[in-house]
Amino acid sequence: MRADINRFAEAGASVVAIAPEGSDAVARFVGKDDDWPFPILADDDHAVFDNYDVASKLMSLGQRPAVFVIDRSGVVRFDSVGTQQWQIPTNDAVLAVLSDL
């Protein structure tokens, strides 16, 4: 999503990443590459991961890769939760969902 952040902004979307780590770990990660065009939020108690069912499952190692499109009212309009990183939908696929909102 980093590569297409301008396209997401043009579609009226805000991109937010949520990491299943504490704020110190997120700060170390972000500090390695200051070129993050969107916020990365800490979820150290895994509340968001648990609520969106992204927690580790049998077929994945660690948390599962996931993308959610949530409208301004807080309604999930699209979700994709996989077991492997290659299952994340393309930016074009997510942008197509946004264009339908």
PDB file of N, CA and C in Angstrom:
ATOM      1  N   MET A   1       0.821  -1.192   0.000  1.00  0.00           N
ATOM      2  CA  MET A   1       0.000   0.000   0.000  1.00  0.00           C
ATOM      3  C   MET A   1       0.862   1.252   0.000  1.00  0.00           C
ATOM      4  N   ARG A   2       2.079   1.110   0.492  1.00  0.00           N
ATOM      5  CA  ARG A   2       2.994   2.257   0.481  1.00  0.00           C
ATOM      6  C   ARG A   2       3.174   2.811  -0.925  1.00  0.00           C
ATOM      7  N   ALA A   3       3.366   1.920  -1.886  1.00  0.00           N
ATOM      8  CA  ALA A   3       3.650   2.350  -3.256  1.00  0.00           C
ATOM      9  C   ALA A   3       2.478   3.113  -3.873  1.00  0.00           C
ATOM     10  N   ASP A   4       1.275   2.831  -3.429  1.00  0.00           N
ATOM     11  CA  ASP A   4       0.084   3.446  -4.013  1.00  0.00           C
ATOM     12  C   ASP A   4      -0.640   4.366  -3.038  1.00  0.00           C
ATOM     13  N   ILE A   5       0.069   4.896  -2.059  1.00  0.00           N
ATOM     14  CA  ILE A   5      -0.592   5.721  -1.044  1.00  0.00           C
ATOM     15  C   ILE A   5      -1.319   6.907  -1.669  1.00  0.00           C
ATOM     16  N   ASN A   6      -0.780   7.478  -2.730  1.00  0.00           N
ATOM     17  CA  ASN A   6      -1.459   8.603  -3.385  1.00  0.00           C
ATOM     18  C   ASN A   6      -2.767   8.163  -4.020  1.00  0.00           C
ATOM     19  N   ARG A   7      -2.798   6.982  -4.583  1.00  0.00           N
ATOM     20  CA  ARG A   7      -4.045   6.469  -5.173  1.00  0.00           C
ATOM     21  C   ARG A   7      -5.096   6.243  -4.088  1.00  0.00           C
ATOM     22  N   PHE A   8      -4.669   5.738  -2.925  1.00  0.00           N
ATOM     23  CA  PHE A   8      -5.617   5.550  -1.823  1.00  0.00           C
ATOM     24  C   PHE A   8      -6.146   6.893  -1.343  1.00  0.00           C
ATOM     25  N   ALA A   9      -5.267   7.885  -1.241  1.00  0.00           N
ATOM     26  CA  ALA A   9      -5.699   9.221  -0.820  1.00  0.00           C
ATOM     27  C   ALA A   9      -6.684   9.810  -1.827  1.00  0.00           C
ATOM     28  N   GLU A  10      -6.411   9.646  -3.126  1.00  0.00           N
ATOM     29  CA  GLU A  10      -7.318  10.143  -4.161  1.00  0.00           C
ATOM     30  C   GLU A  10      -8.676   9.465  -4.075  1.00  0.00           C
ATOM     31  N   ALA A  11      -8.709   8.223  -3.598  1.00  0.00           N
ATOM     32  CA  ALA A  11      -9.966   7.494  -3.435  1.00  0.00           C
ATOM     33  C   ALA A  11     -10.680   7.885  -2.142  1.00  0.00           C
ATOM     34  N   GLY A  12     -10.055   8.778  -1.365  1.00  0.00           N
ATOM     35  CA  GLY A  12     -10.669   9.232  -0.123  1.00  0.00           C
ATOM     36  C   GLY A  12     -10.418   8.313   1.050  1.00  0.00           C
ATOM     37  N   ALA A  13      -9.446   7.427   0.925  1.00  0.00           N
ATOM     38  CA  ALA A  13      -9.170   6.444   1.970  1.00  0.00           C
ATOM     39  C   ALA A  13      -7.979   6.854   2.821  1.00  0.00           C
ATOM     40  N   SER A  14      -8.027   6.456   4.060  1.00  0.00           N
ATOM     41  CA  SER A  14      -6.884   6.569   4.956  1.00  0.00           C
ATOM     42  C   SER A  14      -6.357   5.169   5.192  1.00  0.00           C
ATOM     43  N   VAL A  15      -5.061   5.009   5.088  1.00  0.00           N
ATOM     44  CA  VAL A  15      -4.432   3.714   5.324  1.00  0.00           C
ATOM     45  C   VAL A  15      -3.813   3.751   6.712  1.00  0.00           C
ATOM     46  N   VAL A  16      -4.088   2.714   7.493  1.00  0.00           N
ATOM     47  CA  VAL A  16      -3.534   2.570   8.832  1.00  0.00           C
ATOM     48  C   VAL A  16      -3.079   1.119   8.975  1.00  0.00           C
ATOM     49  N   ALA A  17      -1.863   0.932   9.450  1.00  0.00           N
ATOM     50  CA  ALA A  17      -1.365  -0.414   9.733  1.00  0.00           C
ATOM     51  C   ALA A  17      -1.437  -0.635  11.240  1.00  0.00           C
ATOM     52  N   ILE A  18      -1.741  -1.853  11.618  1.00  0.00           N
ATOM     53  CA  ILE A  18      -1.798  -2.194  13.037  1.00  0.00           C
ATOM     54  C   ILE A  18      -0.860  -3.377  13.251  1.00  0.00           C
ATOM     55  N   ALA A  19       0.066  -3.196  14.184  1.00  0.00           N
ATOM     56  CA  ALA A  19       1.074  -4.213  14.471  1.00  0.00           C
ATOM     57  C   ALA A  19       0.768  -4.884  15.810  1.00  0.00           C
ATOM     58  N   PRO A  20       0.927  -6.205  15.874  1.00  0.00           N
ATOM     59  CA  PRO A  20       0.652  -6.927  17.122  1.00  0.00           C
ATOM     60  C   PRO A  20       1.831  -6.844  18.082  1.00  0.00           C
ATOM     61  N   GLU A  21       2.314  -5.645  18.290  1.00  0.00           N
ATOM     62  CA  GLU A  21       3.498  -5.394  19.113  1.00  0.00           C
ATOM     63  C   GLU A  21       3.226  -4.189  20.005  1.00  0.00           C
ATOM     64  N   GLY A  22       4.111  -3.959  20.941  1.00  0.00           N
ATOM     65  CA  GLY A  22       4.043  -2.781  21.780  1.00  0.00           C
ATOM     66  C   GLY A  22       4.587  -1.566  21.045  1.00  0.00           C
ATOM     67  N   SER A  23       4.391  -0.404  21.616  1.00  0.00           N
ATOM     68  CA  SER A  23       4.815   0.831  20.965  1.00  0.00           C
ATOM     69  C   SER A  23       6.333   0.909  20.804  1.00  0.00           C
ATOM     70  N   ASP A  24       7.103   0.325  21.713  1.00  0.00           N
ATOM     71  CA  ASP A  24       8.558   0.330  21.566  1.00  0.00           C
ATOM     72  C   ASP A  24       8.993  -0.462  20.337  1.00  0.00           C
ATOM     73  N   ALA A  25       8.397  -1.629  20.131  1.00  0.00           N
ATOM     74  CA  ALA A  25       8.740  -2.450  18.967  1.00  0.00           C
ATOM     75  C   ALA A  25       8.331  -1.759  17.675  1.00  0.00           C
ATOM     76  N   VAL A  26       7.172  -1.113  17.673  1.00  0.00           N
ATOM     77  CA  VAL A  26       6.725  -0.383  16.480  1.00  0.00           C
ATOM     78  C   VAL A  26       7.680   0.768  16.195  1.00  0.00           C
ATOM     79  N   ALA A  27       8.096   1.484  17.226  1.00  0.00           N
ATOM     80  CA  ALA A  27       9.028   2.599  17.044  1.00  0.00           C
ATOM     81  C   ALA A  27      10.367   2.106  16.475  1.00  0.00           C
ATOM     82  N   ARG A  28      10.851   0.958  16.943  1.00  0.00           N
ATOM     83  CA  ARG A  28      12.095   0.401  16.390  1.00  0.00           C
ATOM     84  C   ARG A  28      11.905   0.029  14.927  1.00  0.00           C
ATOM     85  N   PHE A  29      10.777  -0.570  14.584  1.00  0.00           N
ATOM     86  CA  PHE A  29      10.496  -0.961  13.205  1.00  0.00           C
ATOM     87  C   PHE A  29      10.414   0.260  12.301  1.00  0.00           C
ATOM     88  N   VAL A  30       9.649   1.240  12.721  1.00  0.00           N
ATOM     89  CA  VAL A  30       9.478   2.455  11.930  1.00  0.00           C
ATOM     90  C   VAL A  30      10.803   3.207  11.835  1.00  0.00           C
ATOM     91  N   GLY A  31      11.583   3.186  12.888  1.00  0.00           N
ATOM     92  CA  GLY A  31      12.864   3.880  12.900  1.00  0.00           C
ATOM     93  C   GLY A  31      13.843   3.359  11.877  1.00  0.00           C
ATOM     94  N   LYS A  32      13.677   2.106  11.457  1.00  0.00           N
ATOM     95  CA  LYS A  32      14.554   1.530  10.431  1.00  0.00           C
ATOM     96  C   LYS A  32      14.291   2.136   9.059  1.00  0.00           C
ATOM     97  N   ASP A  33      13.087   2.641   8.858  1.00  0.00           N
ATOM     98  CA  ASP A  33      12.694   3.186   7.564  1.00  0.00           C
ATOM     99  C   ASP A  33      11.684   4.302   7.823  1.00  0.00           C
ATOM    100  N   ASP A  34      12.147   5.521   7.780  1.00  0.00           N
ATOM    101  CA  ASP A  34      11.287   6.659   8.105  1.00  0.00           C
ATOM    102  C   ASP A  34      10.318   7.027   6.992  1.00  0.00           C
ATOM    103  N   ASP A  35      10.267   6.246   5.942  1.00  0.00           N
ATOM    104  CA  ASP A  35       9.450   6.587   4.784  1.00  0.00           C
ATOM    105  C   ASP A  35       8.076   5.916   4.825  1.00  0.00           C
ATOM    106  N   TRP A  36       7.432   5.909   5.982  1.00  0.00           N
ATOM    107  CA  TRP A  36       6.096   5.328   6.087  1.00  0.00           C
ATOM    108  C   TRP A  36       5.066   6.429   5.860  1.00  0.00           C
ATOM    109  N   PRO A  37       4.283   6.334   4.804  1.00  0.00           N
ATOM    110  CA  PRO A  37       3.317   7.398   4.501  1.00  0.00           C
ATOM    111  C   PRO A  37       1.988   7.248   5.241  1.00  0.00           C
ATOM    112  N   PHE A  38       1.924   6.289   6.153  1.00  0.00           N
ATOM    113  CA  PHE A  38       0.717   6.097   6.948  1.00  0.00           C
ATOM    114  C   PHE A  38       1.122   5.654   8.348  1.00  0.00           C
ATOM    115  N   PRO A  39       0.232   5.845   9.323  1.00  0.00           N
ATOM    116  CA  PRO A  39       0.578   5.468  10.696  1.00  0.00           C
ATOM    117  C   PRO A  39       0.603   3.953  10.883  1.00  0.00           C
ATOM    118  N   ILE A  40       1.490   3.525  11.769  1.00  0.00           N
ATOM    119  CA  ILE A  40       1.541   2.131  12.203  1.00  0.00           C
ATOM    120  C   ILE A  40       1.249   2.156  13.700  1.00  0.00           C
ATOM    121  N   LEU A  41       0.135   1.575  14.081  1.00  0.00           N
ATOM    122  CA  LEU A  41      -0.322   1.618  15.463  1.00  0.00           C
ATOM    123  C   LEU A  41       0.025   0.330  16.193  1.00  0.00           C
ATOM    124  N   ALA A  42       0.345   0.447  17.464  1.00  0.00           N
ATOM    125  CA  ALA A  42       0.673  -0.717  18.297  1.00  0.00           C
ATOM    126  C   ALA A  42      -0.609  -1.351  18.832  1.00  0.00           C
ATOM    127  N   ASP A  43      -0.620  -2.672  18.850  1.00  0.00           N
ATOM    128  CA  ASP A  43      -1.732  -3.448  19.418  1.00  0.00           C
ATOM    129  C   ASP A  43      -1.126  -4.481  20.362  1.00  0.00           C
ATOM    130  N   ASP A  44      -0.480  -3.982  21.419  1.00  0.00           N
ATOM    131  CA  ASP A  44       0.279  -4.876  22.290  1.00  0.00           C
ATOM    132  C   ASP A  44      -0.583  -5.870  23.057  1.00  0.00           C
ATOM    133  N   ASP A  45      -1.843  -5.558  23.280  1.00  0.00           N
ATOM    134  CA  ASP A  45      -2.711  -6.527  23.959  1.00  0.00           C
ATOM    135  C   ASP A  45      -3.542  -7.349  22.964  1.00  0.00           C
ATOM    136  N   HIS A  46      -3.299  -7.161  21.670  1.00  0.00           N
ATOM    137  CA  HIS A  46      -3.942  -7.907  20.576  1.00  0.00           C
ATOM    138  C   HIS A  46      -5.456  -7.726  20.532  1.00  0.00           C
ATOM    139  N   ALA A  47      -5.944  -6.641  21.086  1.00  0.00           N
ATOM    140  CA  ALA A  47      -7.390  -6.401  21.093  1.00  0.00           C
ATOM    141  C   ALA A  47      -7.943  -6.278  19.682  1.00  0.00           C
ATOM    142  N   VAL A  48      -7.268  -5.524  18.826  1.00  0.00           N
ATOM    143  CA  VAL A  48      -7.738  -5.355  17.445  1.00  0.00           C
ATOM    144  C   VAL A  48      -7.606  -6.676  16.699  1.00  0.00           C
ATOM    145  N   PHE A  49      -6.456  -7.329  16.847  1.00  0.00           N
ATOM    146  CA  PHE A  49      -6.235  -8.603  16.164  1.00  0.00           C
ATOM    147  C   PHE A  49      -7.286  -9.628  16.578  1.00  0.00           C
ATOM    148  N   ASP A  50      -7.623  -9.677  17.853  1.00  0.00           N
ATOM    149  CA  ASP A  50      -8.641 -10.621  18.328  1.00  0.00           C
ATOM    150  C   ASP A  50     -10.026 -10.253  17.810  1.00  0.00           C
ATOM    151  N   ASN A  51     -10.365  -8.958  17.843  1.00  0.00           N
ATOM    152  CA  ASN A  51     -11.690  -8.525  17.389  1.00  0.00           C
ATOM    153  C   ASN A  51     -11.905  -8.773  15.902  1.00  0.00           C
ATOM    154  N   TYR A  52     -10.836  -8.708  15.119  1.00  0.00           N
ATOM    155  CA  TYR A  52     -10.946  -8.916  13.677  1.00  0.00           C
ATOM    156  C   TYR A  52     -10.481 -10.312  13.261  1.00  0.00           C
ATOM    157  N   ASP A  53     -10.267 -11.188  14.222  1.00  0.00           N
ATOM    158  CA  ASP A  53      -9.911 -12.587  13.983  1.00  0.00           C
ATOM    159  C   ASP A  53      -8.661 -12.732  13.116  1.00  0.00           C
ATOM    160  N   VAL A  54      -7.635 -11.967  13.444  1.00  0.00           N
ATOM    161  CA  VAL A  54      -6.390 -12.017  12.691  1.00  0.00           C
ATOM    162  C   VAL A  54      -5.322 -12.772  13.486  1.00  0.00           C
ATOM    163  N   ALA A  55      -5.671 -13.249  14.661  1.00  0.00           N
ATOM    164  CA  ALA A  55      -4.707 -13.959  15.499  1.00  0.00           C
ATOM    165  C   ALA A  55      -4.197 -15.210  14.796  1.00  0.00           C
ATOM    166  N   SER A  56      -3.094 -15.705  15.266  1.00  0.00           N
ATOM    167  CA  SER A  56      -2.449 -16.869  14.671  1.00  0.00           C
ATOM    168  C   SER A  56      -3.413 -18.049  14.552  1.00  0.00           C
ATOM    169  N   LYS A  57      -3.358 -18.707  13.437  1.00  0.00           N
ATOM    170  CA  LYS A  57      -4.147 -19.902  13.192  1.00  0.00           C
ATOM    171  C   LYS A  57      -3.216 -21.040  12.820  1.00  0.00           C
ATOM    172  N   LEU A  58      -3.718 -22.217  12.753  1.00  0.00           N
ATOM    173  CA  LEU A  58      -2.921 -23.414  12.530  1.00  0.00           C
ATOM    174  C   LEU A  58      -2.052 -23.339  11.277  1.00  0.00           C
ATOM    175  N   MET A  59      -2.565 -22.807  10.188  1.00  0.00           N
ATOM    176  CA  MET A  59      -1.838 -22.820   8.920  1.00  0.00           C
ATOM    177  C   MET A  59      -0.887 -21.634   8.737  1.00  0.00           C
ATOM    178  N   SER A  60      -0.808 -20.742   9.706  1.00  0.00           N
ATOM    179  CA  SER A  60       0.067 -19.578   9.549  1.00  0.00           C
ATOM    180  C   SER A  60       1.060 -19.522  10.697  1.00  0.00           C
ATOM    181  N   LEU A  61       2.122 -18.799  10.477  1.00  0.00           N
ATOM    182  CA  LEU A  61       3.113 -18.582  11.521  1.00  0.00           C
ATOM    183  C   LEU A  61       2.934 -17.164  12.037  1.00  0.00           C
ATOM    184  N   GLY A  62       2.506 -17.027  13.278  1.00  0.00           N
ATOM    185  CA  GLY A  62       2.244 -15.698  13.816  1.00  0.00           C
ATOM    186  C   GLY A  62       0.887 -15.202  13.376  1.00  0.00           C
ATOM    187  N   GLN A  63       0.752 -13.885  13.294  1.00  0.00           N
ATOM    188  CA  GLN A  63      -0.528 -13.311  12.879  1.00  0.00           C
ATOM    189  C   GLN A  63      -0.762 -13.552  11.391  1.00  0.00           C
ATOM    190  N   ARG A  64      -2.009 -13.545  11.039  1.00  0.00           N
ATOM    191  CA  ARG A  64      -2.359 -13.754   9.641  1.00  0.00           C
ATOM    192  C   ARG A  64      -2.387 -12.424   8.917  1.00  0.00           C
ATOM    193  N   PRO A  65      -1.982 -12.406   7.640  1.00  0.00           N
ATOM    194  CA  PRO A  65      -2.052 -11.165   6.872  1.00  0.00           C
ATOM    195  C   PRO A  65      -3.518 -10.801   6.616  1.00  0.00           C
ATOM    196  N   ALA A  66      -3.827  -9.526   6.752  1.00  0.00           N
ATOM    197  CA  ALA A  66      -5.219  -9.115   6.604  1.00  0.00           C
ATOM    198  C   ALA A  66      -5.310  -7.695   6.069  1.00  0.00           C
ATOM    199  N   VAL A  67      -6.385  -7.453   5.330  1.00  0.00           N
ATOM    200  CA  VAL A  67      -6.734  -6.124   4.839  1.00  0.00           C
ATOM    201  C   VAL A  67      -8.224  -5.942   5.083  1.00  0.00           C
ATOM    202  N   PHE A  68      -8.580  -4.789   5.634  1.00  0.00           N
ATOM    203  CA  PHE A  68      -9.978  -4.457   5.872  1.00  0.00           C
ATOM    204  C   PHE A  68     -10.265  -3.094   5.269  1.00  0.00           C
ATOM    205  N   VAL A  69     -11.441  -2.945   4.679  1.00  0.00           N
ATOM    206  CA  VAL A  69     -11.945  -1.642   4.255  1.00  0.00           C
ATOM    207  C   VAL A  69     -13.123  -1.348   5.169  1.00  0.00           C
ATOM    208  N   ILE A  70     -12.978  -0.264   5.930  1.00  0.00           N
ATOM    209  CA  ILE A  70     -13.999   0.123   6.896  1.00  0.00           C
ATOM    210  C   ILE A  70     -14.507   1.500   6.491  1.00  0.00           C
ATOM    211  N   ASP A  71     -15.823   1.618   6.337  1.00  0.00           N
ATOM    212  CA  ASP A  71     -16.361   2.898   5.876  1.00  0.00           C
ATOM    213  C   ASP A  71     -16.404   3.917   7.013  1.00  0.00           C
ATOM    214  N   ARG A  72     -16.826   5.118   6.697  1.00  0.00           N
ATOM    215  CA  ARG A  72     -16.826   6.208   7.675  1.00  0.00           C
ATOM    216  C   ARG A  72     -17.758   5.942   8.855  1.00  0.00           C
ATOM    217  N   SER A  73     -18.709   5.042   8.674  1.00  0.00           N
ATOM    218  CA  SER A  73     -19.630   4.688   9.756  1.00  0.00           C
ATOM    219  C   SER A  73     -19.099   3.562  10.623  1.00  0.00           C
ATOM    220  N   GLY A  74     -17.937   3.021  10.259  1.00  0.00           N
ATOM    221  CA  GLY A  74     -17.348   1.933  11.031  1.00  0.00           C
ATOM    222  C   GLY A  74     -17.789   0.553  10.583  1.00  0.00           C
ATOM    223  N   VAL A  75     -18.443   0.480   9.431  1.00  0.00           N
ATOM    224  CA  VAL A  75     -18.910  -0.799   8.903  1.00  0.00           C
ATOM    225  C   VAL A  75     -17.820  -1.414   8.025  1.00  0.00           C
ATOM    226  N   VAL A  76     -17.496  -2.668   8.281  1.00  0.00           N
ATOM    227  CA  VAL A  76     -16.512  -3.368   7.452  1.00  0.00           C
ATOM    228  C   VAL A  76     -17.167  -3.676   6.110  1.00  0.00           C
ATOM    229  N   ARG A  77     -16.631  -3.107   5.045  1.00  0.00           N
ATOM    230  CA  ARG A  77     -17.178  -3.286   3.700  1.00  0.00           C
ATOM    231  C   ARG A  77     -16.418  -4.339   2.899  1.00  0.00           C
ATOM    232  N   PHE A  78     -15.213  -4.674   3.353  1.00  0.00           N
ATOM    233  CA  PHE A  78     -14.392  -5.679   2.672  1.00  0.00           C
ATOM    234  C   PHE A  78     -13.400  -6.213   3.686  1.00  0.00           C
ATOM    235  N   ASP A  79     -13.172  -7.520   3.636  1.00  0.00           N
ATOM    236  CA  ASP A  79     -12.114  -8.085   4.462  1.00  0.00           C
ATOM    237  C   ASP A  79     -11.448  -9.227   3.715  1.00  0.00           C
ATOM    238  N   SER A  80     -10.176  -9.335   3.952  1.00  0.00           N
ATOM    239  CA  SER A  80      -9.392 -10.428   3.388  1.00  0.00           C
ATOM    240  C   SER A  80      -8.390 -10.853   4.450  1.00  0.00           C
ATOM    241  N   VAL A  81      -8.598 -12.037   5.002  1.00  0.00           N
ATOM    242  CA  VAL A  81      -7.703 -12.578   6.013  1.00  0.00           C
ATOM    243  C   VAL A  81      -7.165 -13.888   5.459  1.00  0.00           C
ATOM    244  N   GLY A  82      -5.864 -13.944   5.275  1.00  0.00           N
ATOM    245  CA  GLY A  82      -5.242 -15.132   4.702  1.00  0.00           C
ATOM    246  C   GLY A  82      -4.444 -15.909   5.726  1.00  0.00           C
ATOM    247  N   THR A  83      -3.736 -16.883   5.233  1.00  0.00           N
ATOM    248  CA  THR A  83      -2.835 -17.637   6.098  1.00  0.00           C
ATOM    249  C   THR A  83      -1.374 -17.356   5.757  1.00  0.00           C
ATOM    250  N   GLN A  84      -1.135 -16.795   4.588  1.00  0.00           N
ATOM    251  CA  GLN A  84       0.225 -16.485   4.145  1.00  0.00           C
ATOM    252  C   GLN A  84       0.265 -15.090   3.533  1.00  0.00           C
ATOM    253  N   GLN A  85       1.432 -14.482   3.550  1.00  0.00           N
ATOM    254  CA  GLN A  85       1.597 -13.108   3.066  1.00  0.00           C
ATOM    255  C   GLN A  85       1.164 -12.937   1.604  1.00  0.00           C
ATOM    256  N   TRP A  86       1.388 -13.949   0.773  1.00  0.00           N
ATOM    257  CA  TRP A  86       1.048 -13.827  -0.649  1.00  0.00           C
ATOM    258  C   TRP A  86      -0.455 -13.774  -0.886  1.00  0.00           C
ATOM    259  N   GLN A  87      -1.252 -13.990   0.143  1.00  0.00           N
ATOM    260  CA  GLN A  87      -2.703 -13.955  -0.016  1.00  0.00           C
ATOM    261  C   GLN A  87      -3.312 -12.569   0.190  1.00  0.00           C
ATOM    262  N   ILE A  88      -2.490 -11.589   0.466  1.00  0.00           N
ATOM    263  CA  ILE A  88      -2.998 -10.227   0.602  1.00  0.00           C
ATOM    264  C   ILE A  88      -3.495  -9.761  -0.765  1.00  0.00           C
ATOM    265  N   PRO A  89      -4.675  -9.151  -0.829  1.00  0.00           N
ATOM    266  CA  PRO A  89      -5.173  -8.679  -2.128  1.00  0.00           C
ATOM    267  C   PRO A  89      -4.277  -7.571  -2.687  1.00  0.00           C
ATOM    268  N   THR A  90      -4.273  -7.444  -3.991  1.00  0.00           N
ATOM    269  CA  THR A  90      -3.480  -6.396  -4.626  1.00  0.00           C
ATOM    270  C   THR A  90      -4.065  -5.025  -4.290  1.00  0.00           C
ATOM    271  N   ASN A  91      -3.249  -4.017  -4.426  1.00  0.00           N
ATOM    272  CA  ASN A  91      -3.737  -2.647  -4.229  1.00  0.00           C
ATOM    273  C   ASN A  91      -4.865  -2.333  -5.190  1.00  0.00           C
ATOM    274  N   ASP A  92      -4.751  -2.807  -6.430  1.00  0.00           N
ATOM    275  CA  ASP A  92      -5.816  -2.562  -7.414  1.00  0.00           C
ATOM    276  C   ASP A  92      -7.137  -3.173  -6.954  1.00  0.00           C
ATOM    277  N   ALA A  93      -7.086  -4.358  -6.352  1.00  0.00           N
ATOM    278  CA  ALA A  93      -8.302  -5.005  -5.882  1.00  0.00           C
ATOM    279  C   ALA A  93      -8.933  -4.195  -4.740  1.00  0.00           C
ATOM    280  N   VAL A  94      -8.118  -3.701  -3.837  1.00  0.00           N
ATOM    281  CA  VAL A  94      -8.644  -2.911  -2.729  1.00  0.00           C
ATOM    282  C   VAL A  94      -9.179  -1.573  -3.238  1.00  0.00           C
ATOM    283  N   LEU A  95      -8.482  -0.958  -4.172  1.00  0.00           N
ATOM    284  CA  LEU A  95      -8.953   0.298  -4.762  1.00  0.00           C
ATOM    285  C   LEU A  95     -10.278   0.102  -5.499  1.00  0.00           C
ATOM    286  N   ALA A  96     -10.467  -1.046  -6.121  1.00  0.00           N
ATOM    287  CA  ALA A  96     -11.742  -1.337  -6.793  1.00  0.00           C
ATOM    288  C   ALA A  96     -12.871  -1.393  -5.769  1.00  0.00           C
ATOM    289  N   VAL A  97     -12.617  -1.972  -4.610  1.00  0.00           N
ATOM    290  CA  VAL A  97     -13.630  -1.994  -3.539  1.00  0.00           C
ATOM    291  C   VAL A  97     -13.966  -0.572  -3.123  1.00  0.00           C
ATOM    292  N   LEU A  98     -12.930   0.237  -2.957  1.00  0.00           N
ATOM    293  CA  LEU A  98     -13.157   1.644  -2.557  1.00  0.00           C
ATOM    294  C   LEU A  98     -13.984   2.396  -3.579  1.00  0.00           C
ATOM    295  N   SER A  99     -13.741   2.131  -4.846  1.00  0.00           N
ATOM    296  CA  SER A  99     -14.485   2.853  -5.886  1.00  0.00           C
ATOM    297  C   SER A  99     -15.963   2.476  -5.903  1.00  0.00           C
ATOM    298  N   ASP A 100     -16.287   1.332  -5.333  1.00  0.00           N
ATOM    299  CA  ASP A 100     -17.684   0.893  -5.273  1.00  0.00           C
ATOM    300  C   ASP A 100     -18.438   1.433  -4.067  1.00  0.00           C
ATOM    301  N   LEU A 101     -17.735   2.098  -3.166  1.00  0.00           N
ATOM    302  CA  LEU A 101     -18.408   2.615  -1.953  1.00  0.00           C
ATOM    303  C   LEU A 101     -19.113   3.925  -2.239  1.00  0.00           C
TER     304      LEU A 101
END
